[in-house]
PDB file of all heavy atoms in Angstrom:
ATOM      1  N   GLY A   1      20.463  14.460  -2.883  1.00  0.00           N
ATOM      2  CA  GLY A   1      21.198  14.019  -1.712  1.00  0.00           C
ATOM      3  C   GLY A   1      20.585  14.470  -0.402  1.00  0.00           C
ATOM      4  O   GLY A   1      20.260  13.659   0.471  1.00  0.00           O
ATOM      5  N   SER A   2      20.388  15.779  -0.256  1.00  0.00           N
ATOM      6  CA  SER A   2      19.942  16.317   1.030  1.00  0.00           C
ATOM      7  C   SER A   2      18.431  16.273   1.202  1.00  0.00           C
ATOM      8  O   SER A   2      17.929  16.317   2.322  1.00  0.00           O
ATOM      9  CB  SER A   2      20.424  17.756   1.182  1.00  0.00           C
ATOM     10  OG  SER A   2      19.787  18.585   0.224  1.00  0.00           O
ATOM     11  N   GLY A   3      17.691  16.228   0.089  1.00  0.00           N
ATOM     12  CA  GLY A   3      16.235  16.281   0.181  1.00  0.00           C
ATOM     13  C   GLY A   3      15.692  17.673   0.379  1.00  0.00           C
ATOM     14  O   GLY A   3      14.489  17.847   0.615  1.00  0.00           O
ATOM     15  N   SER A   4      16.543  18.685   0.282  1.00  0.00           N
ATOM     16  CA  SER A   4      16.078  20.071   0.435  1.00  0.00           C
ATOM     17  C   SER A   4      15.104  20.416  -0.675  1.00  0.00           C
ATOM     18  O   SER A   4      15.316  20.060  -1.827  1.00  0.00           O
ATOM     19  CB  SER A   4      17.273  21.019   0.391  1.00  0.00           C
ATOM     20  OG  SER A   4      18.167  20.730   1.434  1.00  0.00           O
ATOM     21  N   THR A   5      14.045  21.116  -0.313  1.00  0.00           N
ATOM     22  CA  THR A   5      12.976  21.408  -1.266  1.00  0.00           C
ATOM     23  C   THR A   5      12.717  22.901  -1.393  1.00  0.00           C
ATOM     24  O   THR A   5      13.067  23.699  -0.512  1.00  0.00           O
ATOM     25  CB  THR A   5      11.671  20.718  -0.839  1.00  0.00           C
ATOM     26  OG1 THR A   5      11.289  21.193   0.463  1.00  0.00           O
ATOM     27  CG2 THR A   5      11.828  19.214  -0.786  1.00  0.00           C
ATOM     28  N   TYR A   6      12.081  23.246  -2.490  1.00  0.00           N
ATOM     29  CA  TYR A   6      11.679  24.638  -2.744  1.00  0.00           C
ATOM     30  C   TYR A   6      10.433  24.594  -3.608  1.00  0.00           C
ATOM     31  O   TYR A   6      10.325  23.770  -4.520  1.00  0.00           O
ATOM     32  CB  TYR A   6      12.794  25.408  -3.450  1.00  0.00           C
ATOM     33  CG  TYR A   6      12.478  26.857  -3.644  1.00  0.00           C
ATOM     34  CD1 TYR A   6      12.704  27.781  -2.631  1.00  0.00           C
ATOM     35  CD2 TYR A   6      11.938  27.311  -4.851  1.00  0.00           C
ATOM     36  CE1 TYR A   6      12.392  29.118  -2.812  1.00  0.00           C
ATOM     37  CE2 TYR A   6      11.629  28.645  -5.029  1.00  0.00           C
ATOM     38  CZ  TYR A   6      11.855  29.533  -4.010  1.00  0.00           C
ATOM     39  OH  TYR A   6      11.544  30.853  -4.187  1.00  0.00           O
ATOM     40  N   TYR A   7       9.490  25.522  -3.331  1.00  0.00           N
ATOM     41  CA  TYR A   7       8.206  25.524  -4.028  1.00  0.00           C
ATOM     42  C   TYR A   7       7.885  26.884  -4.619  1.00  0.00           C
ATOM     43  O   TYR A   7       8.256  27.929  -4.075  1.00  0.00           O
ATOM     44  CB  TYR A   7       7.076  25.150  -3.070  1.00  0.00           C
ATOM     45  CG  TYR A   7       7.186  23.756  -2.506  1.00  0.00           C
ATOM     46  CD1 TYR A   7       7.875  23.526  -1.318  1.00  0.00           C
ATOM     47  CD2 TYR A   7       6.618  22.672  -3.164  1.00  0.00           C
ATOM     48  CE1 TYR A   7       7.992  22.249  -0.802  1.00  0.00           C
ATOM     49  CE2 TYR A   7       6.725  21.386  -2.646  1.00  0.00           C
ATOM     50  CZ  TYR A   7       7.409  21.187  -1.471  1.00  0.00           C
ATOM     51  OH  TYR A   7       7.516  19.916  -0.960  1.00  0.00           O
ATOM     52  N   ALA A   8       7.134  26.848  -5.703  1.00  0.00           N
ATOM     53  CA  ALA A   8       6.551  28.072  -6.228  1.00  0.00           C
ATOM     54  C   ALA A   8       5.431  28.514  -5.286  1.00  0.00           C
ATOM     55  O   ALA A   8       4.750  27.681  -4.679  1.00  0.00           O
ATOM     56  CB  ALA A   8       5.990  27.835  -7.625  1.00  0.00           C
ATOM     57  N   ASP A   9       5.236  29.810  -5.169  1.00  0.00           N
ATOM     58  CA  ASP A   9       4.199  30.334  -4.275  1.00  0.00           C
ATOM     59  C   ASP A   9       2.811  29.807  -4.638  1.00  0.00           C
ATOM     60  O   ASP A   9       1.960  29.627  -3.764  1.00  0.00           O
ATOM     61  CB  ASP A   9       4.195  31.864  -4.319  1.00  0.00           C
ATOM     62  CG  ASP A   9       5.401  32.467  -3.618  1.00  0.00           C
ATOM     63  OD1 ASP A   9       6.046  31.758  -2.819  1.00  0.00           O
ATOM     64  OD2 ASP A   9       5.701  33.645  -3.874  1.00  0.00           O
ATOM     65  N   SER A  10       2.587  29.564  -5.917  1.00  0.00           N
ATOM     66  CA  SER A  10       1.259  29.155  -6.382  1.00  0.00           C
ATOM     67  C   SER A  10       0.843  27.783  -5.862  1.00  0.00           C
ATOM     68  O   SER A  10      -0.351  27.465  -5.852  1.00  0.00           O
ATOM     69  CB  SER A  10       1.205  29.167  -7.909  1.00  0.00           C
ATOM     70  OG  SER A  10       2.190  28.282  -8.437  1.00  0.00           O
ATOM     71  N   VAL A  11       1.805  26.966  -5.420  1.00  0.00           N
ATOM     72  CA  VAL A  11       1.482  25.615  -4.973  1.00  0.00           C
ATOM     73  C   VAL A  11       1.904  25.354  -3.534  1.00  0.00           C
ATOM     74  O   VAL A  11       1.607  24.276  -2.986  1.00  0.00           O
ATOM     75  CB  VAL A  11       2.112  24.549  -5.890  1.00  0.00           C
ATOM     76  CG1 VAL A  11       1.689  24.767  -7.336  1.00  0.00           C
ATOM     77  CG2 VAL A  11       3.631  24.535  -5.757  1.00  0.00           C
ATOM     78  N   LYS A  12       2.569  26.304  -2.924  1.00  0.00           N
ATOM     79  CA  LYS A  12       3.069  26.104  -1.565  1.00  0.00           C
ATOM     80  C   LYS A  12       1.917  25.791  -0.625  1.00  0.00           C
ATOM     81  O   LYS A  12       0.888  26.460  -0.638  1.00  0.00           O
ATOM     82  CB  LYS A  12       3.803  27.368  -1.107  1.00  0.00           C
ATOM     83  CG  LYS A  12       4.744  27.160   0.051  1.00  0.00           C
ATOM     84  CD  LYS A  12       5.535  28.445   0.325  1.00  0.00           C
ATOM     85  CE  LYS A  12       6.454  28.789  -0.807  1.00  0.00           C
ATOM     86  NZ  LYS A  12       7.253  30.001  -0.525  1.00  0.00           N
ATOM     87  N   GLY A  13       2.081  24.752   0.170  1.00  0.00           N
ATOM     88  CA  GLY A  13       1.046  24.339   1.103  1.00  0.00           C
ATOM     89  C   GLY A  13       0.071  23.329   0.522  1.00  0.00           C
ATOM     90  O   GLY A  13      -0.689  22.698   1.269  1.00  0.00           O
ATOM     91  N   ARG A  14       0.053  23.168  -0.798  1.00  0.00           N
ATOM     92  CA  ARG A  14      -0.853  22.192  -1.439  1.00  0.00           C
ATOM     93  C   ARG A  14      -0.093  21.050  -2.094  1.00  0.00           C
ATOM     94  O   ARG A  14      -0.575  19.921  -2.117  1.00  0.00           O
ATOM     95  CB  ARG A  14      -1.718  22.891  -2.488  1.00  0.00           C
ATOM     96  CG  ARG A  14      -2.613  23.987  -1.945  1.00  0.00           C
ATOM     97  CD  ARG A  14      -3.584  24.482  -3.019  1.00  0.00           C
ATOM     98  NE  ARG A  14      -2.903  25.034  -4.175  1.00  0.00           N
ATOM     99  CZ  ARG A  14      -3.055  24.581  -5.425  1.00  0.00           C
ATOM    100  NH1 ARG A  14      -3.859  23.564  -5.673  1.00  0.00           N
ATOM    101  NH2 ARG A  14      -2.412  25.160  -6.423  1.00  0.00           N
ATOM    102  N   PHE A  15       1.071  21.338  -2.647  1.00  0.00           N
ATOM    103  CA  PHE A  15       1.876  20.330  -3.329  1.00  0.00           C
ATOM    104  C   PHE A  15       3.087  19.981  -2.460  1.00  0.00           C
ATOM    105  O   PHE A  15       3.638  20.855  -1.768  1.00  0.00           O
ATOM    106  CB  PHE A  15       2.391  20.857  -4.676  1.00  0.00           C
ATOM    107  CG  PHE A  15       1.336  21.053  -5.727  1.00  0.00           C
ATOM    108  CD1 PHE A  15      -0.016  21.089  -5.428  1.00  0.00           C
ATOM    109  CD2 PHE A  15       1.716  21.216  -7.050  1.00  0.00           C
ATOM    110  CE1 PHE A  15      -0.972  21.281  -6.409  1.00  0.00           C
ATOM    111  CE2 PHE A  15       0.776  21.410  -8.052  1.00  0.00           C
ATOM    112  CZ  PHE A  15      -0.572  21.445  -7.729  1.00  0.00           C
ATOM    113  N   THR A  16       3.506  18.725  -2.551  1.00  0.00           N
ATOM    114  CA  THR A  16       4.691  18.279  -1.821  1.00  0.00           C
ATOM    115  C   THR A  16       5.564  17.451  -2.735  1.00  0.00           C
ATOM    116  O   THR A  16       5.093  16.482  -3.346  1.00  0.00           O
ATOM    117  CB  THR A  16       4.306  17.432  -0.596  1.00  0.00           C
ATOM    118  OG1 THR A  16       3.455  18.178   0.268  1.00  0.00           O
ATOM    119  CG2 THR A  16       5.554  17.021   0.182  1.00  0.00           C
ATOM    120  N   ILE A  17       6.832  17.839  -2.838  1.00  0.00           N
ATOM    121  CA  ILE A  17       7.797  17.069  -3.607  1.00  0.00           C
ATOM    122  C   ILE A  17       8.611  16.221  -2.635  1.00  0.00           C
ATOM    123  O   ILE A  17       8.964  16.672  -1.540  1.00  0.00           O
ATOM    124  CB  ILE A  17       8.711  17.986  -4.454  1.00  0.00           C
ATOM    125  CG1 ILE A  17       9.587  17.171  -5.396  1.00  0.00           C
ATOM    126  CG2 ILE A  17       9.543  18.914  -3.574  1.00  0.00           C
ATOM    127  CD1 ILE A  17      10.358  18.032  -6.412  1.00  0.00           C
ATOM    128  N   SER A  18       8.893  14.986  -3.035  1.00  0.00           N
ATOM    129  CA  SER A  18       9.691  14.096  -2.201  1.00  0.00           C
ATOM    130  C   SER A  18      10.445  13.135  -3.111  1.00  0.00           C
ATOM    131  O   SER A  18      10.192  13.082  -4.316  1.00  0.00           O
ATOM    132  CB  SER A  18       8.803  13.317  -1.224  1.00  0.00           C
ATOM    133  OG  SER A  18       7.890  12.498  -1.924  1.00  0.00           O
ATOM    134  N   ARG A  19      11.387  12.405  -2.514  1.00  0.00           N
ATOM    135  CA  ARG A  19      12.107  11.428  -3.314  1.00  0.00           C
ATOM    136  C   ARG A  19      12.369  10.184  -2.488  1.00  0.00           C
ATOM    137  O   ARG A  19      12.461  10.240  -1.267  1.00  0.00           O
ATOM    138  CB  ARG A  19      13.408  12.014  -3.891  1.00  0.00           C
ATOM    139  CG  ARG A  19      14.684  11.840  -3.034  1.00  0.00           C
ATOM    140  CD  ARG A  19      14.782  12.832  -1.970  1.00  0.00           C
ATOM    141  NE  ARG A  19      16.094  12.846  -1.323  1.00  0.00           N
ATOM    142  CZ  ARG A  19      16.252  12.596  -0.042  1.00  0.00           C
ATOM    143  NH1 ARG A  19      15.206  12.247   0.715  1.00  0.00           N
ATOM    144  NH2 ARG A  19      17.448  12.683   0.507  1.00  0.00           N
ATOM    145  N   ASP A  20      12.479   9.065  -3.207  1.00  0.00           N
ATOM    146  CA  ASP A  20      12.832   7.788  -2.610  1.00  0.00           C
ATOM    147  C   ASP A  20      14.131   7.361  -3.277  1.00  0.00           C
ATOM    148  O   ASP A  20      14.122   6.916  -4.430  1.00  0.00           O
ATOM    149  CB  ASP A  20      11.713   6.765  -2.842  1.00  0.00           C
ATOM    150  CG  ASP A  20      11.988   5.448  -2.148  1.00  0.00           C
ATOM    151  OD1 ASP A  20      13.168   5.066  -1.986  1.00  0.00           O
ATOM    152  OD2 ASP A  20      11.009   4.767  -1.785  1.00  0.00           O
ATOM    153  N   ASN A  21      15.233   7.522  -2.554  1.00  0.00           N
ATOM    154  CA  ASN A  21      16.532   7.228  -3.154  1.00  0.00           C
ATOM    155  C   ASN A  21      16.667   5.763  -3.540  1.00  0.00           C
ATOM    156  O   ASN A  21      17.273   5.435  -4.563  1.00  0.00           O
ATOM    157  CB  ASN A  21      17.644   7.620  -2.189  1.00  0.00           C
ATOM    158  CG  ASN A  21      17.799   9.123  -2.084  1.00  0.00           C
ATOM    159  OD1 ASN A  21      17.257   9.869  -2.892  1.00  0.00           O
ATOM    160  ND2 ASN A  21      18.520   9.579  -1.080  1.00  0.00           N
ATOM    161  N   ALA A  22      16.104   4.877  -2.759  1.00  0.00           N
ATOM    162  CA  ALA A  22      16.216   3.446  -3.046  1.00  0.00           C
ATOM    163  C   ALA A  22      15.515   3.086  -4.353  1.00  0.00           C
ATOM    164  O   ALA A  22      15.953   2.186  -5.077  1.00  0.00           O
ATOM    165  CB  ALA A  22      15.642   2.628  -1.900  1.00  0.00           C
ATOM    166  N   LYS A  23      14.432   3.802  -4.641  1.00  0.00           N
ATOM    167  CA  LYS A  23      13.667   3.525  -5.864  1.00  0.00           C
ATOM    168  C   LYS A  23      14.038   4.477  -7.001  1.00  0.00           C
ATOM    169  O   LYS A  23      13.474   4.364  -8.096  1.00  0.00           O
ATOM    170  CB  LYS A  23      12.164   3.636  -5.584  1.00  0.00           C
ATOM    171  CG  LYS A  23      11.643   2.596  -4.610  1.00  0.00           C
ATOM    172  CD  LYS A  23      10.147   2.737  -4.427  1.00  0.00           C
ATOM    173  CE  LYS A  23       9.618   1.666  -3.487  1.00  0.00           C
ATOM    174  NZ  LYS A  23       8.147   1.783  -3.290  1.00  0.00           N
ATOM    175  N   ASN A  24      14.937   5.416  -6.740  1.00  0.00           N
ATOM    176  CA  ASN A  24      15.312   6.411  -7.755  1.00  0.00           C
ATOM    177  C   ASN A  24      14.078   7.090  -8.334  1.00  0.00           C
ATOM    178  O   ASN A  24      13.953   7.260  -9.563  1.00  0.00           O
ATOM    179  CB  ASN A  24      16.102   5.750  -8.880  1.00  0.00           C
ATOM    180  CG  ASN A  24      17.585   6.065  -8.794  1.00  0.00           C
ATOM    181  OD1 ASN A  24      18.067   6.528  -7.769  1.00  0.00           O
ATOM    182  ND2 ASN A  24      18.304   5.818  -9.864  1.00  0.00           N
ATOM    183  N   THR A  25      13.182   7.460  -7.462  1.00  0.00           N
ATOM    184  CA  THR A  25      11.909   8.032  -7.885  1.00  0.00           C
ATOM    185  C   THR A  25      11.621   9.317  -7.119  1.00  0.00           C
ATOM    186  O   THR A  25      11.869   9.399  -5.912  1.00  0.00           O
ATOM    187  CB  THR A  25      10.766   7.024  -7.668  1.00  0.00           C
ATOM    188  OG1 THR A  25      11.036   5.844  -8.427  1.00  0.00           O
ATOM    189  CG2 THR A  25       9.432   7.601  -8.095  1.00  0.00           C
ATOM    190  N   VAL A  26      11.111  10.281  -7.855  1.00  0.00           N
ATOM    191  CA  VAL A  26      10.684  11.547  -7.270  1.00  0.00           C
ATOM    192  C   VAL A  26       9.164  11.615  -7.392  1.00  0.00           C
ATOM    193  O   VAL A  26       8.593  11.191  -8.401  1.00  0.00           O
ATOM    194  CB  VAL A  26      11.335  12.738  -7.999  1.00  0.00           C
ATOM    195  CG1 VAL A  26      10.809  14.060  -7.465  1.00  0.00           C
ATOM    196  CG2 VAL A  26      12.846  12.683  -7.856  1.00  0.00           C
ATOM    197  N   TYR A  27       8.536  12.168  -6.370  1.00  0.00           N
ATOM    198  CA  TYR A  27       7.080  12.243  -6.339  1.00  0.00           C
ATOM    199  C   TYR A  27       6.606  13.690  -6.240  1.00  0.00           C
ATOM    200  O   TYR A  27       7.318  14.561  -5.733  1.00  0.00           O
ATOM    201  CB  TYR A  27       6.533  11.474  -5.131  1.00  0.00           C
ATOM    202  CG  TYR A  27       6.944  10.030  -5.087  1.00  0.00           C
ATOM    203  CD1 TYR A  27       8.013   9.620  -4.304  1.00  0.00           C
ATOM    204  CD2 TYR A  27       6.267   9.079  -5.843  1.00  0.00           C
ATOM    205  CE1 TYR A  27       8.407   8.292  -4.253  1.00  0.00           C
ATOM    206  CE2 TYR A  27       6.651   7.745  -5.808  1.00  0.00           C
ATOM    207  CZ  TYR A  27       7.715   7.366  -5.017  1.00  0.00           C
ATOM    208  OH  TYR A  27       8.099   6.037  -4.984  1.00  0.00           O
ATOM    209  N   LEU A  28       5.411  13.914  -6.729  1.00  0.00           N
ATOM    210  CA  LEU A  28       4.742  15.193  -6.508  1.00  0.00           C
ATOM    211  C   LEU A  28       3.336  14.883  -6.006  1.00  0.00           C
ATOM    212  O   LEU A  28       2.496  14.379  -6.758  1.00  0.00           O
ATOM    213  CB  LEU A  28       4.667  16.029  -7.791  1.00  0.00           C
ATOM    214  CG  LEU A  28       4.078  17.421  -7.599  1.00  0.00           C
ATOM    215  CD1 LEU A  28       5.042  18.299  -6.784  1.00  0.00           C
ATOM    216  CD2 LEU A  28       3.772  18.078  -8.937  1.00  0.00           C
ATOM    217  N   GLN A  29       3.120  15.115  -4.727  1.00  0.00           N
ATOM    218  CA  GLN A  29       1.801  14.930  -4.132  1.00  0.00           C
ATOM    219  C   GLN A  29       1.000  16.203  -4.330  1.00  0.00           C
ATOM    220  O   GLN A  29       1.431  17.288  -3.917  1.00  0.00           O
ATOM    221  CB  GLN A  29       1.934  14.620  -2.639  1.00  0.00           C
ATOM    222  CG  GLN A  29       0.602  14.446  -1.920  1.00  0.00           C
ATOM    223  CD  GLN A  29      -0.123  13.177  -2.326  1.00  0.00           C
ATOM    224  OE1 GLN A  29       0.499  12.136  -2.539  1.00  0.00           O
ATOM    225  NE2 GLN A  29      -1.453  13.276  -2.442  1.00  0.00           N
ATOM    226  N   ILE A  30      -0.155  16.060  -4.971  1.00  0.00           N
ATOM    227  CA  ILE A  30      -1.015  17.206  -5.263  1.00  0.00           C
ATOM    228  C   ILE A  30      -2.253  17.093  -4.382  1.00  0.00           C
ATOM    229  O   ILE A  30      -3.069  16.181  -4.563  1.00  0.00           O
ATOM    230  CB  ILE A  30      -1.402  17.241  -6.749  1.00  0.00           C
ATOM    231  CG1 ILE A  30      -0.155  17.346  -7.619  1.00  0.00           C
ATOM    232  CG2 ILE A  30      -2.357  18.389  -7.026  1.00  0.00           C
ATOM    233  CD1 ILE A  30      -0.440  17.244  -9.112  1.00  0.00           C
ATOM    234  N   ASN A  31      -2.403  18.000  -3.452  1.00  0.00           N
ATOM    235  CA  ASN A  31      -3.580  18.038  -2.580  1.00  0.00           C
ATOM    236  C   ASN A  31      -4.399  19.283  -2.894  1.00  0.00           C
ATOM    237  O   ASN A  31      -3.867  20.313  -3.294  1.00  0.00           O
ATOM    238  CB  ASN A  31      -3.163  18.040  -1.114  1.00  0.00           C
ATOM    239  CG  ASN A  31      -2.517  16.735  -0.697  1.00  0.00           C
ATOM    240  OD1 ASN A  31      -2.796  15.668  -1.240  1.00  0.00           O
ATOM    241  ND2 ASN A  31      -1.625  16.816   0.279  1.00  0.00           N
ATOM    242  N   SER A  32      -5.692  19.157  -2.694  1.00  0.00           N
ATOM    243  CA  SER A  32      -6.622  20.268  -2.933  1.00  0.00           C
ATOM    244  C   SER A  32      -6.376  20.930  -4.288  1.00  0.00           C
ATOM    245  O   SER A  32      -6.223  22.162  -4.368  1.00  0.00           O
ATOM    246  CB  SER A  32      -6.505  21.301  -1.802  1.00  0.00           C
ATOM    247  OG  SER A  32      -6.797  20.720  -0.554  1.00  0.00           O
ATOM    248  N   PRO A  33      -6.337  20.146  -5.351  1.00  0.00           N
ATOM    249  CA  PRO A  33      -6.105  20.766  -6.659  1.00  0.00           C
ATOM    250  C   PRO A  33      -7.276  21.660  -7.057  1.00  0.00           C
ATOM    251  O   PRO A  33      -8.424  21.455  -6.620  1.00  0.00           O
ATOM    252  CB  PRO A  33      -5.961  19.566  -7.598  1.00  0.00           C
ATOM    253  CG  PRO A  33      -6.742  18.484  -6.949  1.00  0.00           C
ATOM    254  CD  PRO A  33      -6.541  18.678  -5.474  1.00  0.00           C
ATOM    255  N   GLU A  34      -6.955  22.616  -7.908  1.00  0.00           N
ATOM    256  CA  GLU A  34      -7.928  23.563  -8.438  1.00  0.00           C
ATOM    257  C   GLU A  34      -7.946  23.435  -9.955  1.00  0.00           C
ATOM    258  O   GLU A  34      -6.965  22.970 -10.552  1.00  0.00           O
ATOM    259  CB  GLU A  34      -7.543  24.977  -8.015  1.00  0.00           C
ATOM    260  CG  GLU A  34      -7.423  25.148  -6.507  1.00  0.00           C
ATOM    261  CD  GLU A  34      -6.651  26.397  -6.119  1.00  0.00           C
ATOM    262  OE1 GLU A  34      -6.085  27.060  -7.022  1.00  0.00           O
ATOM    263  OE2 GLU A  34      -6.598  26.706  -4.912  1.00  0.00           O
ATOM    264  N   PRO A  35      -9.045  23.835 -10.596  1.00  0.00           N
ATOM    265  CA  PRO A  35      -9.076  23.757 -12.068  1.00  0.00           C
ATOM    266  C   PRO A  35      -7.890  24.455 -12.723  1.00  0.00           C
ATOM    267  O   PRO A  35      -7.425  24.023 -13.786  1.00  0.00           O
ATOM    268  CB  PRO A  35     -10.395  24.445 -12.423  1.00  0.00           C
ATOM    269  CG  PRO A  35     -11.268  24.163 -11.236  1.00  0.00           C
ATOM    270  CD  PRO A  35     -10.345  24.237 -10.041  1.00  0.00           C
ATOM    271  N   GLU A  36      -7.364  25.488 -12.073  1.00  0.00           N
ATOM    272  CA  GLU A  36      -6.214  26.214 -12.617  1.00  0.00           C
ATOM    273  C   GLU A  36      -4.941  25.377 -12.607  1.00  0.00           C
ATOM    274  O   GLU A  36      -3.937  25.756 -13.222  1.00  0.00           O
ATOM    275  CB  GLU A  36      -5.974  27.496 -11.822  1.00  0.00           C
ATOM    276  CG  GLU A  36      -7.076  28.545 -11.936  1.00  0.00           C
ATOM    277  CD  GLU A  36      -8.347  28.180 -11.186  1.00  0.00           C
ATOM    278  OE1 GLU A  36      -8.270  27.401 -10.203  1.00  0.00           O
ATOM    279  OE2 GLU A  36      -9.428  28.650 -11.583  1.00  0.00           O
ATOM    280  N   ASP A  37      -4.950  24.236 -11.914  1.00  0.00           N
ATOM    281  CA  ASP A  37      -3.789  23.354 -11.892  1.00  0.00           C
ATOM    282  C   ASP A  37      -3.765  22.408 -13.093  1.00  0.00           C
ATOM    283  O   ASP A  37      -2.821  21.631 -13.250  1.00  0.00           O
ATOM    284  CB  ASP A  37      -3.780  22.524 -10.605  1.00  0.00           C
ATOM    285  CG  ASP A  37      -3.577  23.366  -9.356  1.00  0.00           C
ATOM    286  OD1 ASP A  37      -2.743  24.294  -9.389  1.00  0.00           O
ATOM    287  OD2 ASP A  37      -4.266  23.098  -8.339  1.00  0.00           O
ATOM    288  N   THR A  38      -4.786  22.461 -13.921  1.00  0.00           N
ATOM    289  CA  THR A  38      -4.837  21.610 -15.112  1.00  0.00           C
ATOM    290  C   THR A  38      -3.690  21.963 -16.049  1.00  0.00           C
ATOM    291  O   THR A  38      -3.519  23.124 -16.435  1.00  0.00           O
ATOM    292  CB  THR A  38      -6.176  21.782 -15.836  1.00  0.00           C
ATOM    293  OG1 THR A  38      -7.229  21.289 -14.995  1.00  0.00           O
ATOM    294  CG2 THR A  38      -6.188  21.026 -17.154  1.00  0.00           C
ATOM    295  N   ALA A  39      -2.895  20.950 -16.403  1.00  0.00           N
ATOM    296  CA  ALA A  39      -1.721  21.172 -17.245  1.00  0.00           C
ATOM    297  C   ALA A  39      -1.050  19.829 -17.522  1.00  0.00           C
ATOM    298  O   ALA A  39      -1.416  18.805 -16.927  1.00  0.00           O
ATOM    299  CB  ALA A  39      -0.724  22.106 -16.557  1.00  0.00           C
ATOM    300  N   VAL A  40      -0.077  19.851 -18.405  1.00  0.00           N
ATOM    301  CA  VAL A  40       0.840  18.729 -18.551  1.00  0.00           C
ATOM    302  C   VAL A  40       1.972  18.955 -17.556  1.00  0.00           C
ATOM    303  O   VAL A  40       2.579  20.033 -17.534  1.00  0.00           O
ATOM    304  CB  VAL A  40       1.385  18.605 -19.981  1.00  0.00           C
ATOM    305  CG1 VAL A  40       2.393  17.457 -20.069  1.00  0.00           C
ATOM    306  CG2 VAL A  40       0.252  18.398 -20.968  1.00  0.00           C
TER     307      VAL A  40
END
């Protein structure tokens, strides 16, 4: 509803979570990824 966000320290400043209410979709924008970000 509010769009309030919270991040883990390990990704703060590089990852961005957002949502599109009309599309019922949540996004995770990953910028400047590092090999340590490899995961499912």
